[in-house]
Structure formats: C-alpha cells, structure tokens
Amino acid sequence: MNTKQFDRIHTGKGFIAALDQSGGSTPKALLQYGIKENSYSNEEEMYQLVHEMRTRIIKSFAFDSQYILGAILFENTMERSIDGQFTADYLWEKKGVVPFLKVDKGLADLENGVQLMKPISGLNDLLKRAVERNIFGTKMRSVIKEANPAGIKKVVEQQFAIGNQIVEMGLVPIIEPEVDIHSADKETSEKLLKKEIFDQLSTLGKDVKVMLKLSIPTENNFYADLMEDPRVIRVVALSGGYTQAEANEKLAHNHGLIASFSRALSQGLTAGQTDDEFNAMLSKSIQDIYEASIK
C-alpha cells in the first residue's frame, strides 16, 4: 500500500470525485453532458466519448489536489490513457489525486427490500490489473430501499465478504450500501445499516482497513461513531440523486463526512461549453463541494 496515498485519504482535507458511471449509466451521463445517443453508433465510440469528458474534467486547472483527495474510475477508464499515461498514473503523478476503481457489475433485482450486487465475474483478474495500474482502492455499490432487517443484513454481509477479498489483494475497499433517499423509512434503514456495519467491522482482522460510502443520513452526525472506528479510514457521502445544492447543504451539517459525488459534481457541465465556461462551472462546483466537505 502506498503510505502517502493512505495518509492523504485518511487525514487530508477535500473530497473524492466519482467519475465511475459505467454500462447502463454511461448514456445518461453523456446525455447530461449534452451528447445524445445518436452521436455514437457502438459501445467503443460511447466509451471514447465518456473518456474524453472525464479527461476534460481531470485536466482542468479546477481539478486540483488542494480540493480533491481521490477519484473513482470505471474499469474502461482505468485501461485508457491521458497524455500517454494510464489514467491512474496521470491522476497521482500529475494531479496528486489518489485513484480508486469501481469493481461491481451492477445491481441484482429487488428482493427483501434491497438490491444486492450482481456476481462479480473475473474479480480476481480485475483486482490484479488494478494493482498493476497503481490503483489504491475499490468501490462497490448495493442499494437499500426498505427497512428490511434480513435484506440489509445480506447487503452488508455481501459487501464485507467481497471487501475482504479486495483487502487480500492489497487494496482498500470502499463499502457502499446506499440507502435510497426516497425511501419512506430511510431513517430506520440507516439505524439497521449502522448496526450491521459495526457487526461486520468487529469481524475484521486488526490490520484490515476499509472505507465507507453512505447516503447522507437523515439525522445529522449519525455516522460520527463509525468515523471513530479504528478500522475505518474515512466515511464519505454519495449524493444519491440530490441536486448539488441539496447535497452540499445536507453534507455541511455532518461534521467529518466528506463528499464522493458523481452527478452532483458534473452538474451543469456540457460538451458545448467553451473551455473558459467549462472550467468556471467545474471550479465553482468543486469549491462548493469542498466547502461543504470541510465543515
């Protein structure tokens, strides 16, 4: 493990940029960016366009390590280059930003009020390539839609089982059991979730470290005790469908919780903007998210 990267993620001021839209969410990300589906004719052209979008974000002067601690990449992005360097190397060597990799393959069908992760075929091979590409850690997402104790228990057990596999490869897993912000019993789900997370943390080896990526809680500072757990490097928040302004406002009321936003980060960015317009919009977004993350 890269100790400089570890220290940066553990104690640094800033937030983690989520640039990991993949598969079915890529057309939506491109559409938000102003590129319609008729602008590409196959998957390769689609991924090239989204890589160009991410490259534009990463190379912007606004995308600066003063504000951004890490960035989460999609597998396809990890295997592509920026200015002749693999994306992860460019992030760390040119920008001082710690690279992470999304490893899940999407969500299974709803059962017991939750969506588990689909089986991650070829995970060991992917993790080996991640190590070769100088990735620091990984991210994987499940979704909780109802306060179903059995379902939430399964979500957390699956997350930590795969997390242990990731730890064995020398990478730091970001455990992401998202609670749907539209859930009618979101607060109850969060209470059940926190109990299950603590139960799983108690099973970890003494030297095992993980990160947590959670929905911004209904009760302010609800995850403060998780932040104090010695096995938790950092607790970060997903935007979960909130607008950037909503997510920032809610985040600012949770001391120690930092952003790991995707849609909220890229909100307002379009392919048709001039570089000055694009950079100004990105800079304002980054500044606003940073300010909310350090309160």
C-alpha atoms as a PDB file:
ATOM      1  CA  MET A   1       0.000   0.000   0.000  1.00  0.00           C
ATOM      2  CA  ASN A   2       1.191   3.489  -0.871  1.00  0.00           C
ATOM      3  CA  THR A   3       1.564   5.184   2.523  1.00  0.00           C
ATOM      4  CA  LYS A   4       1.451   8.711   1.083  1.00  0.00           C
ATOM      5  CA  GLN A   5      -1.870   7.893  -0.559  1.00  0.00           C
ATOM      6  CA  PHE A   6      -3.152   6.276   2.640  1.00  0.00           C
ATOM      7  CA  ASP A   7      -2.280   9.326   4.728  1.00  0.00           C
ATOM      8  CA  ARG A   8      -3.875  11.640   2.173  1.00  0.00           C
ATOM      9  CA  ILE A   9      -7.155   9.734   2.190  1.00  0.00           C
ATOM     10  CA  HIS A  10      -7.139   9.224   5.957  1.00  0.00           C
ATOM     11  CA  THR A  11      -6.411  12.777   7.094  1.00  0.00           C
ATOM     12  CA  GLY A  12      -6.499  15.085   4.057  1.00  0.00           C
ATOM     13  CA  LYS A  13      -8.964  17.930   3.580  1.00  0.00           C
ATOM     14  CA  GLY A  14     -11.116  17.663   0.495  1.00  0.00           C
ATOM     15  CA  PHE A  15     -13.433  15.198  -1.190  1.00  0.00           C
ATOM     16  CA  ILE A  16     -13.446  12.231  -3.575  1.00  0.00           C
ATOM     17  CA  ALA A  17     -14.646  12.745  -7.139  1.00  0.00           C
ATOM     18  CA  ALA A  18     -16.764   9.888  -8.523  1.00  0.00           C
ATOM     19  CA  LEU A  19     -16.037   9.549 -12.240  1.00  0.00           C
ATOM     20  CA  ASP A  20     -17.247   5.966 -12.476  1.00  0.00           C
ATOM     21  CA  GLN A  21     -20.507   5.934 -14.417  1.00  0.00           C
ATOM     22  CA  SER A  22     -20.463   2.685 -16.370  1.00  0.00           C
ATOM     23  CA  GLY A  23     -22.527   0.372 -18.543  1.00  0.00           C
ATOM     24  CA  GLY A  24     -26.148   1.399 -18.491  1.00  0.00           C
ATOM     25  CA  SER A  25     -25.463   4.722 -16.744  1.00  0.00           C
ATOM     26  CA  THR A  26     -22.965   5.931 -19.377  1.00  0.00           C
ATOM     27  CA  PRO A  27     -25.598   7.104 -21.924  1.00  0.00           C
ATOM     28  CA  LYS A  28     -27.313   9.047 -19.137  1.00  0.00           C
ATOM     29  CA  ALA A  29     -24.013  10.659 -18.115  1.00  0.00           C
ATOM     30  CA  LEU A  30     -23.305  11.620 -21.719  1.00  0.00           C
ATOM     31  CA  LEU A  31     -26.831  12.987 -22.158  1.00  0.00           C
ATOM     32  CA  GLN A  32     -26.369  15.139 -19.063  1.00  0.00           C
ATOM     33  CA  TYR A  33     -23.145  16.358 -20.705  1.00  0.00           C
ATOM     34  CA  GLY A  34     -25.092  17.267 -23.870  1.00  0.00           C
ATOM     35  CA  ILE A  35     -24.181  14.273 -26.054  1.00  0.00           C
ATOM     36  CA  LYS A  36     -27.233  12.430 -27.397  1.00  0.00           C
ATOM     37  CA  GLU A  37     -27.361   8.688 -28.082  1.00  0.00           C
ATOM     38  CA  ASN A  38     -27.419   9.250 -31.839  1.00  0.00           C
ATOM     39  CA  SER A  39     -23.939  10.806 -31.539  1.00  0.00           C
ATOM     40  CA  TYR A  40     -22.331   7.344 -31.309  1.00  0.00           C
ATOM     41  CA  SER A  41     -23.051   4.088 -33.081  1.00  0.00           C
ATOM     42  CA  ASN A  42     -21.420   1.471 -30.845  1.00  0.00           C
ATOM     43  CA  GLU A  43     -20.086   0.843 -27.351  1.00  0.00           C
ATOM     44  CA  GLU A  44     -16.483   1.740 -28.191  1.00  0.00           C
ATOM     45  CA  GLU A  45     -17.500   5.144 -29.534  1.00  0.00           C
ATOM     46  CA  MET A  46     -19.632   5.698 -26.433  1.00  0.00           C
ATOM     47  CA  TYR A  47     -16.755   4.887 -24.080  1.00  0.00           C
ATOM     48  CA  GLN A  48     -14.378   7.063 -26.063  1.00  0.00           C
ATOM     49  CA  LEU A  49     -16.749   9.999 -25.691  1.00  0.00           C
ATOM     50  CA  VAL A  50     -17.153   9.489 -21.963  1.00  0.00           C
ATOM     51  CA  HIS A  51     -13.373   9.182 -21.577  1.00  0.00           C
ATOM     52  CA  GLU A  52     -12.988  12.490 -23.382  1.00  0.00           C
ATOM     53  CA  MET A  53     -15.470  14.007 -20.940  1.00  0.00           C
ATOM     54  CA  ARG A  54     -13.594  12.627 -17.934  1.00  0.00           C
ATOM     55  CA  THR A  55     -10.255  13.681 -19.404  1.00  0.00           C
ATOM     56  CA  ARG A  56     -11.583  17.217 -19.780  1.00  0.00           C
ATOM     57  CA  ILE A  57     -12.594  17.210 -16.117  1.00  0.00           C
ATOM     58  CA  ILE A  58      -9.333  15.714 -14.863  1.00  0.00           C
ATOM     59  CA  LYS A  59      -7.085  18.001 -16.941  1.00  0.00           C
ATOM     60  CA  SER A  60      -8.941  21.155 -15.909  1.00  0.00           C
ATOM     61  CA  PHE A  61      -6.994  23.501 -13.640  1.00  0.00           C
ATOM     62  CA  ALA A  62     -10.026  23.336 -11.315  1.00  0.00           C
ATOM     63  CA  PHE A  63      -9.462  19.612 -10.704  1.00  0.00           C
ATOM     64  CA  ASP A  64      -6.793  20.246  -8.113  1.00  0.00           C
ATOM     65  CA  SER A  65      -5.412  18.210  -5.213  1.00  0.00           C
ATOM     66  CA  GLN A  66      -5.925  21.208  -2.943  1.00  0.00           C
ATOM     67  CA  TYR A  67      -9.606  20.273  -3.021  1.00  0.00           C
ATOM     68  CA  ILE A  68      -9.796  16.711  -4.365  1.00  0.00           C
ATOM     69  CA  LEU A  69      -8.304  13.795  -2.435  1.00  0.00           C
ATOM     70  CA  GLY A  70      -9.208  10.940  -4.758  1.00  0.00           C
ATOM     71  CA  ALA A  71     -11.112   9.949  -7.877  1.00  0.00           C
ATOM     72  CA  ILE A  72     -13.114   6.787  -8.576  1.00  0.00           C
ATOM     73  CA  LEU A  73     -12.700   5.357 -12.069  1.00  0.00           C
ATOM     74  CA  PHE A  74     -14.597   2.853 -14.192  1.00  0.00           C
ATOM     75  CA  GLU A  75     -12.646  -0.194 -15.449  1.00  0.00           C
ATOM     76  CA  ASN A  76     -12.695   1.117 -19.028  1.00  0.00           C
ATOM     77  CA  THR A  77     -11.254   4.441 -17.852  1.00  0.00           C
ATOM     78  CA  MET A  78      -8.506   2.678 -15.905  1.00  0.00           C
ATOM     79  CA  GLU A  79      -7.341   0.995 -19.108  1.00  0.00           C
ATOM     80  CA  ARG A  80      -7.278   4.254 -21.095  1.00  0.00           C
ATOM     81  CA  SER A  81      -4.635   6.949 -21.090  1.00  0.00           C
ATOM     82  CA  ILE A  82      -4.336  10.682 -20.592  1.00  0.00           C
ATOM     83  CA  ASP A  83      -1.380  12.335 -22.317  1.00  0.00           C
ATOM     84  CA  GLY A  84       0.388   8.991 -22.732  1.00  0.00           C
ATOM     85  CA  GLN A  85      -0.082   7.801 -19.128  1.00  0.00           C
ATOM     86  CA  PHE A  86      -2.634   5.373 -17.772  1.00  0.00           C
ATOM     87  CA  THR A  87      -5.391   7.366 -16.100  1.00  0.00           C
ATOM     88  CA  ALA A  88      -4.487   6.311 -12.545  1.00  0.00           C
ATOM     89  CA  ASP A  89      -0.835   7.287 -13.047  1.00  0.00           C
ATOM     90  CA  TYR A  90      -1.849  10.641 -14.501  1.00  0.00           C
ATOM     91  CA  LEU A  91      -4.128  11.285 -11.538  1.00  0.00           C
ATOM     92  CA  TRP A  92      -1.452  10.586  -8.949  1.00  0.00           C
ATOM     93  CA  GLU A  93       1.709  11.769 -10.692  1.00  0.00           C
ATOM     94  CA  LYS A  94       0.330  14.865 -12.416  1.00  0.00           C
ATOM     95  CA  LYS A  95      -2.533  15.825 -10.137  1.00  0.00           C
ATOM     96  CA  GLY A  96      -1.718  14.359  -6.716  1.00  0.00           C
ATOM     97  CA  VAL A  97      -5.142  12.673  -6.667  1.00  0.00           C
ATOM     98  CA  VAL A  98      -5.496   9.107  -5.313  1.00  0.00           C
ATOM     99  CA  PRO A  99      -7.054   6.649  -7.834  1.00  0.00           C
ATOM    100  CA  PHE A 100      -9.857   4.220  -6.959  1.00  0.00           C
ATOM    101  CA  LEU A 101     -11.687   1.703  -9.154  1.00  0.00           C
ATOM    102  CA  LYS A 102     -15.373   0.727  -9.311  1.00  0.00           C
ATOM    103  CA  VAL A 103     -15.472  -3.084  -9.340  1.00  0.00           C
ATOM    104  CA  ASP A 104     -19.130  -4.077  -9.100  1.00  0.00           C
ATOM    105  CA  LYS A 105     -21.131  -5.222 -12.142  1.00  0.00           C
ATOM    106  CA  GLY A 106     -24.411  -3.579 -11.246  1.00  0.00           C
ATOM    107  CA  LEU A 107     -27.404  -4.455  -9.109  1.00  0.00           C
ATOM    108  CA  ALA A 108     -29.478  -7.607  -8.803  1.00  0.00           C
ATOM    109  CA  ASP A 109     -33.276  -7.490  -8.791  1.00  0.00           C
ATOM    110  CA  LEU A 110     -35.078  -6.145  -5.741  1.00  0.00           C
ATOM    111  CA  GLU A 111     -35.548  -8.763  -3.025  1.00  0.00           C
ATOM    112  CA  ASN A 112     -36.255  -8.291   0.690  1.00  0.00           C
ATOM    113  CA  GLY A 113     -36.324  -4.550   0.139  1.00  0.00           C
ATOM    114  CA  VAL A 114     -32.743  -4.387  -1.178  1.00  0.00           C
ATOM    115  CA  GLN A 115     -30.678  -4.814  -4.313  1.00  0.00           C
ATOM    116  CA  LEU A 116     -27.567  -6.881  -3.756  1.00  0.00           C
ATOM    117  CA  MET A 117     -24.658  -6.681  -6.161  1.00  0.00           C
ATOM    118  CA  LYS A 118     -24.718  -8.994  -9.135  1.00  0.00           C
ATOM    119  CA  PRO A 119     -21.977 -11.663  -9.078  1.00  0.00           C
ATOM    120  CA  ILE A 120     -18.658 -10.028  -9.948  1.00  0.00           C
ATOM    121  CA  SER A 121     -17.218 -12.399 -12.530  1.00  0.00           C
ATOM    122  CA  GLY A 122     -13.476 -12.190 -13.022  1.00  0.00           C
ATOM    123  CA  LEU A 123     -12.966 -10.148  -9.851  1.00  0.00           C
ATOM    124  CA  ASN A 124      -9.529 -11.563  -9.050  1.00  0.00           C
ATOM    125  CA  ASP A 125      -8.297 -10.743 -12.551  1.00  0.00           C
ATOM    126  CA  LEU A 126      -9.716  -7.229 -12.289  1.00  0.00           C
ATOM    127  CA  LEU A 127      -8.049  -6.699  -8.906  1.00  0.00           C
ATOM    128  CA  LYS A 128      -4.706  -7.922 -10.279  1.00  0.00           C
ATOM    129  CA  ARG A 129      -4.962  -5.429 -13.146  1.00  0.00           C
ATOM    130  CA  ALA A 130      -5.909  -2.715 -10.650  1.00  0.00           C
ATOM    131  CA  VAL A 131      -2.729  -3.405  -8.692  1.00  0.00           C
ATOM    132  CA  GLU A 132      -0.713  -3.297 -11.932  1.00  0.00           C
ATOM    133  CA  ARG A 133      -2.337   0.044 -12.826  1.00  0.00           C
ATOM    134  CA  ASN A 134      -1.397   1.514  -9.410  1.00  0.00           C
ATOM    135  CA  ILE A 135      -4.946   1.739  -8.097  1.00  0.00           C
ATOM    136  CA  PHE A 136      -5.196   2.427  -4.345  1.00  0.00           C
ATOM    137  CA  GLY A 137      -8.673   1.150  -3.582  1.00  0.00           C
ATOM    138  CA  THR A 138     -12.000  -0.026  -4.952  1.00  0.00           C
ATOM    139  CA  LYS A 139     -15.690   0.839  -4.738  1.00  0.00           C
ATOM    140  CA  MET A 140     -18.808  -1.333  -4.983  1.00  0.00           C
ATOM    141  CA  ARG A 141     -22.467  -0.349  -4.593  1.00  0.00           C
ATOM    142  CA  SER A 142     -25.585  -2.017  -3.229  1.00  0.00           C
ATOM    143  CA  VAL A 143     -28.943  -0.300  -2.646  1.00  0.00           C
ATOM    144  CA  ILE A 144     -31.344  -0.412   0.307  1.00  0.00           C
ATOM    145  CA  LYS A 145     -34.920   0.635  -0.481  1.00  0.00           C
ATOM    146  CA  GLU A 146     -36.804  -0.609   2.578  1.00  0.00           C
ATOM    147  CA  ALA A 147     -36.054  -1.080   6.263  1.00  0.00           C
ATOM    148  CA  ASN A 148     -35.989  -4.854   5.938  1.00  0.00           C
ATOM    149  CA  PRO A 149     -33.604  -6.301   8.576  1.00  0.00           C
ATOM    150  CA  ALA A 150     -32.920  -9.524   6.652  1.00  0.00           C
ATOM    151  CA  GLY A 151     -32.264  -7.681   3.397  1.00  0.00           C
ATOM    152  CA  ILE A 152     -29.974  -5.097   4.991  1.00  0.00           C
ATOM    153  CA  LYS A 153     -28.031  -7.833   6.756  1.00  0.00           C
ATOM    154  CA  LYS A 154     -27.470  -9.588   3.412  1.00  0.00           C
ATOM    155  CA  VAL A 155     -26.303  -6.363   1.777  1.00  0.00           C
ATOM    156  CA  VAL A 156     -23.694  -5.688   4.440  1.00  0.00           C
ATOM    157  CA  GLU A 157     -22.524  -9.302   4.627  1.00  0.00           C
ATOM    158  CA  GLN A 158     -22.006  -9.366   0.852  1.00  0.00           C
ATOM    159  CA  GLN A 159     -20.161  -6.050   0.890  1.00  0.00           C
ATOM    160  CA  PHE A 160     -17.729  -7.146   3.593  1.00  0.00           C
ATOM    161  CA  ALA A 161     -17.199 -10.639   2.137  1.00  0.00           C
ATOM    162  CA  ILE A 162     -16.060  -9.112  -1.148  1.00  0.00           C
ATOM    163  CA  GLY A 163     -14.254  -6.378   0.772  1.00  0.00           C
ATOM    164  CA  ASN A 164     -12.075  -8.999   2.460  1.00  0.00           C
ATOM    165  CA  GLN A 165     -11.200 -10.428  -0.942  1.00  0.00           C
ATOM    166  CA  ILE A 166     -10.142  -6.943  -2.042  1.00  0.00           C
ATOM    167  CA  VAL A 167      -8.059  -6.409   1.101  1.00  0.00           C
ATOM    168  CA  GLU A 168      -6.190  -9.657   0.388  1.00  0.00           C
ATOM    169  CA  MET A 169      -5.029  -8.113  -2.907  1.00  0.00           C
ATOM    170  CA  GLY A 170      -3.538  -5.149  -1.064  1.00  0.00           C
ATOM    171  CA  LEU A 171      -6.303  -2.692  -1.997  1.00  0.00           C
ATOM    172  CA  VAL A 172      -8.616  -0.637   0.221  1.00  0.00           C
ATOM    173  CA  PRO A 173     -12.330  -1.356  -0.343  1.00  0.00           C
ATOM    174  CA  ILE A 174     -14.950   1.367  -0.252  1.00  0.00           C
ATOM    175  CA  ILE A 175     -18.020  -0.359   1.163  1.00  0.00           C
ATOM    176  CA  GLU A 176     -21.103   1.323  -0.371  1.00  0.00           C
ATOM    177  CA  PRO A 177     -24.523   0.182   0.898  1.00  0.00           C
ATOM    178  CA  GLU A 178     -26.585   3.118  -0.389  1.00  0.00           C
ATOM    179  CA  VAL A 179     -29.893   3.900   1.305  1.00  0.00           C
ATOM    180  CA  ASP A 180     -32.334   5.243  -1.288  1.00  0.00           C
ATOM    181  CA  ILE A 181     -33.007   8.897  -0.446  1.00  0.00           C
ATOM    182  CA  HIS A 182     -36.637   8.430  -1.495  1.00  0.00           C
ATOM    183  CA  SER A 183     -37.221   5.538   0.897  1.00  0.00           C
ATOM    184  CA  ALA A 184     -40.269   6.047   3.142  1.00  0.00           C
ATOM    185  CA  ASP A 185     -38.352   4.566   6.093  1.00  0.00           C
ATOM    186  CA  LYS A 186     -34.879   5.891   5.307  1.00  0.00           C
ATOM    187  CA  GLU A 187     -34.007   6.740   8.914  1.00  0.00           C
ATOM    188  CA  THR A 188     -34.974   3.271  10.160  1.00  0.00           C
ATOM    189  CA  SER A 189     -32.908   1.721   7.374  1.00  0.00           C
ATOM    190  CA  GLU A 190     -29.920   3.791   8.465  1.00  0.00           C
ATOM    191  CA  LYS A 191     -30.202   2.542  12.038  1.00  0.00           C
ATOM    192  CA  LEU A 192     -30.358  -1.071  10.879  1.00  0.00           C
ATOM    193  CA  LEU A 193     -27.489  -0.458   8.469  1.00  0.00           C
ATOM    194  CA  LYS A 194     -25.188   1.046  11.070  1.00  0.00           C
ATOM    195  CA  LYS A 195     -25.712  -1.897  13.419  1.00  0.00           C
ATOM    196  CA  GLU A 196     -24.859  -4.375  10.651  1.00  0.00           C
ATOM    197  CA  ILE A 197     -21.766  -2.378   9.662  1.00  0.00           C
ATOM    198  CA  PHE A 198     -20.472  -2.408  13.238  1.00  0.00           C
ATOM    199  CA  ASP A 199     -21.144  -6.148  13.456  1.00  0.00           C
ATOM    200  CA  GLN A 200     -19.064  -6.734  10.313  1.00  0.00           C
ATOM    201  CA  LEU A 201     -16.298  -4.354  11.380  1.00  0.00           C
ATOM    202  CA  SER A 202     -15.906  -6.406  14.554  1.00  0.00           C
ATOM    203  CA  THR A 203     -15.037  -9.485  12.460  1.00  0.00           C
ATOM    204  CA  LEU A 204     -12.140  -7.819  10.606  1.00  0.00           C
ATOM    205  CA  GLY A 205      -8.508  -8.583  11.309  1.00  0.00           C
ATOM    206  CA  LYS A 206      -6.732  -5.944  13.401  1.00  0.00           C
ATOM    207  CA  ASP A 207      -4.749  -4.620  10.436  1.00  0.00           C
ATOM    208  CA  VAL A 208      -7.660  -4.514   7.973  1.00  0.00           C
ATOM    209  CA  LYS A 209      -8.793  -1.048   6.918  1.00  0.00           C
ATOM    210  CA  VAL A 210     -11.898  -0.116   4.936  1.00  0.00           C
ATOM    211  CA  MET A 211     -13.732   2.989   3.806  1.00  0.00           C
ATOM    212  CA  LEU A 212     -17.478   3.541   3.889  1.00  0.00           C
ATOM    213  CA  LYS A 213     -19.575   5.364   1.290  1.00  0.00           C
ATOM    214  CA  LEU A 214     -23.034   6.100   2.662  1.00  0.00           C
ATOM    215  CA  SER A 215     -26.082   8.200   1.881  1.00  0.00           C
ATOM    216  CA  ILE A 216     -26.163  11.482   3.791  1.00  0.00           C
ATOM    217  CA  PRO A 217     -28.025  10.493   6.969  1.00  0.00           C
ATOM    218  CA  THR A 218     -31.441  11.759   7.991  1.00  0.00           C
ATOM    219  CA  GLU A 219     -30.121  12.547  11.480  1.00  0.00           C
ATOM    220  CA  ASN A 220     -27.153  14.900  11.370  1.00  0.00           C
ATOM    221  CA  ASN A 221     -23.831  13.360  12.504  1.00  0.00           C
ATOM    222  CA  PHE A 222     -25.440   9.919  12.734  1.00  0.00           C
ATOM    223  CA  TYR A 223     -22.270   8.263  11.417  1.00  0.00           C
ATOM    224  CA  ALA A 224     -19.857  10.068  13.755  1.00  0.00           C
ATOM    225  CA  ASP A 225     -19.193   6.873  15.733  1.00  0.00           C
ATOM    226  CA  LEU A 226     -18.312   4.990  12.539  1.00  0.00           C
ATOM    227  CA  MET A 227     -15.739   7.688  11.745  1.00  0.00           C
ATOM    228  CA  GLU A 228     -14.069   6.992  15.084  1.00  0.00           C
ATOM    229  CA  ASP A 229     -13.725   3.250  14.498  1.00  0.00           C
ATOM    230  CA  PRO A 230     -10.012   2.384  14.051  1.00  0.00           C
ATOM    231  CA  ARG A 231     -10.792   0.042  11.150  1.00  0.00           C
ATOM    232  CA  VAL A 232     -12.450   2.820   9.139  1.00  0.00           C
ATOM    233  CA  ILE A 233     -10.103   5.068   7.167  1.00  0.00           C
ATOM    234  CA  ARG A 234     -12.783   7.513   6.049  1.00  0.00           C
ATOM    235  CA  VAL A 235     -16.545   7.846   5.716  1.00  0.00           C
ATOM    236  CA  VAL A 236     -17.651   9.545   2.505  1.00  0.00           C
ATOM    237  CA  ALA A 237     -21.098  10.530   1.248  1.00  0.00           C
ATOM    238  CA  LEU A 238     -22.829   9.871  -2.039  1.00  0.00           C
ATOM    239  CA  SER A 239     -25.167  12.480  -3.493  1.00  0.00           C
ATOM    240  CA  GLY A 240     -27.835   9.852  -4.173  1.00  0.00           C
ATOM    241  CA  GLY A 241     -29.928  11.914  -6.574  1.00  0.00           C
ATOM    242  CA  TYR A 242     -29.925  15.148  -4.603  1.00  0.00           C
ATOM    243  CA  THR A 243     -29.067  18.247  -6.590  1.00  0.00           C
ATOM    244  CA  GLN A 244     -25.627  19.638  -5.902  1.00  0.00           C
ATOM    245  CA  ALA A 245     -27.084  22.436  -3.743  1.00  0.00           C
ATOM    246  CA  GLU A 246     -29.218  19.992  -1.725  1.00  0.00           C
ATOM    247  CA  ALA A 247     -26.347  17.548  -1.244  1.00  0.00           C
ATOM    248  CA  ASN A 248     -23.940  20.294  -0.180  1.00  0.00           C
ATOM    249  CA  GLU A 249     -26.435  21.755   2.278  1.00  0.00           C
ATOM    250  CA  LYS A 250     -27.098  18.381   3.912  1.00  0.00           C
ATOM    251  CA  LEU A 251     -23.427  17.406   3.900  1.00  0.00           C
ATOM    252  CA  ALA A 252     -22.388  20.621   5.650  1.00  0.00           C
ATOM    253  CA  HIS A 253     -24.453  19.585   8.691  1.00  0.00           C
ATOM    254  CA  ASN A 254     -22.449  16.363   9.124  1.00  0.00           C
ATOM    255  CA  HIS A 255     -19.047  17.096  10.637  1.00  0.00           C
ATOM    256  CA  GLY A 256     -16.266  14.877   9.285  1.00  0.00           C
ATOM    257  CA  LEU A 257     -18.370  13.440   6.458  1.00  0.00           C
ATOM    258  CA  ILE A 258     -16.846  14.281   3.068  1.00  0.00           C
ATOM    259  CA  ALA A 259     -18.350  14.142  -0.397  1.00  0.00           C
ATOM    260  CA  SER A 260     -17.910  11.462  -3.023  1.00  0.00           C
ATOM    261  CA  PHE A 261     -20.276  12.924  -5.590  1.00  0.00           C
ATOM    262  CA  SER A 262     -20.852  11.877  -9.195  1.00  0.00           C
ATOM    263  CA  ARG A 263     -23.862  13.539 -10.805  1.00  0.00           C
ATOM    264  CA  ALA A 264     -23.671  16.436  -8.359  1.00  0.00           C
ATOM    265  CA  LEU A 265     -20.034  17.053  -9.328  1.00  0.00           C
ATOM    266  CA  SER A 266     -20.656  17.136 -13.078  1.00  0.00           C
ATOM    267  CA  GLN A 267     -23.928  19.067 -12.823  1.00  0.00           C
ATOM    268  CA  GLY A 268     -24.013  21.894 -15.359  1.00  0.00           C
ATOM    269  CA  LEU A 269     -21.035  20.707 -17.425  1.00  0.00           C
ATOM    270  CA  THR A 270     -21.699  20.325 -21.156  1.00  0.00           C
ATOM    271  CA  ALA A 271     -19.714  19.417 -24.253  1.00  0.00           C
ATOM    272  CA  GLY A 272     -20.764  22.660 -25.942  1.00  0.00           C
ATOM    273  CA  GLN A 273     -19.214  24.924 -23.330  1.00  0.00           C
ATOM    274  CA  THR A 274     -16.033  26.794 -24.161  1.00  0.00           C
ATOM    275  CA  ASP A 275     -13.045  25.813 -22.026  1.00  0.00           C
ATOM    276  CA  ASP A 276     -13.456  29.015 -20.018  1.00  0.00           C
ATOM    277  CA  GLU A 277     -17.142  28.277 -19.380  1.00  0.00           C
ATOM    278  CA  PHE A 278     -16.469  24.628 -18.571  1.00  0.00           C
ATOM    279  CA  ASN A 279     -13.611  25.409 -16.192  1.00  0.00           C
ATOM    280  CA  ALA A 280     -15.579  28.159 -14.449  1.00  0.00           C
ATOM    281  CA  MET A 281     -18.540  25.849 -13.876  1.00  0.00           C
ATOM    282  CA  LEU A 282     -16.332  22.982 -12.674  1.00  0.00           C
ATOM    283  CA  SER A 283     -14.344  25.300 -10.427  1.00  0.00           C
ATOM    284  CA  LYS A 284     -17.484  26.594  -8.721  1.00  0.00           C
ATOM    285  CA  SER A 285     -18.803  23.050  -8.224  1.00  0.00           C
ATOM    286  CA  ILE A 286     -15.510  21.876  -6.752  1.00  0.00           C
ATOM    287  CA  GLN A 287     -15.249  24.875  -4.442  1.00  0.00           C
ATOM    288  CA  ASP A 288     -18.817  24.446  -3.199  1.00  0.00           C
ATOM    289  CA  ILE A 289     -18.435  20.694  -2.595  1.00  0.00           C
ATOM    290  CA  TYR A 290     -15.083  21.249  -0.889  1.00  0.00           C
ATOM    291  CA  GLU A 291     -16.542  23.876   1.449  1.00  0.00           C
ATOM    292  CA  ALA A 292     -19.373  21.521   2.413  1.00  0.00           C
ATOM    293  CA  SER A 293     -16.877  18.697   2.993  1.00  0.00           C
ATOM    294  CA  ILE A 294     -14.628  20.559   5.435  1.00  0.00           C
ATOM    295  CA  LYS A 295     -17.310  21.974   7.717  1.00  0.00           C
END
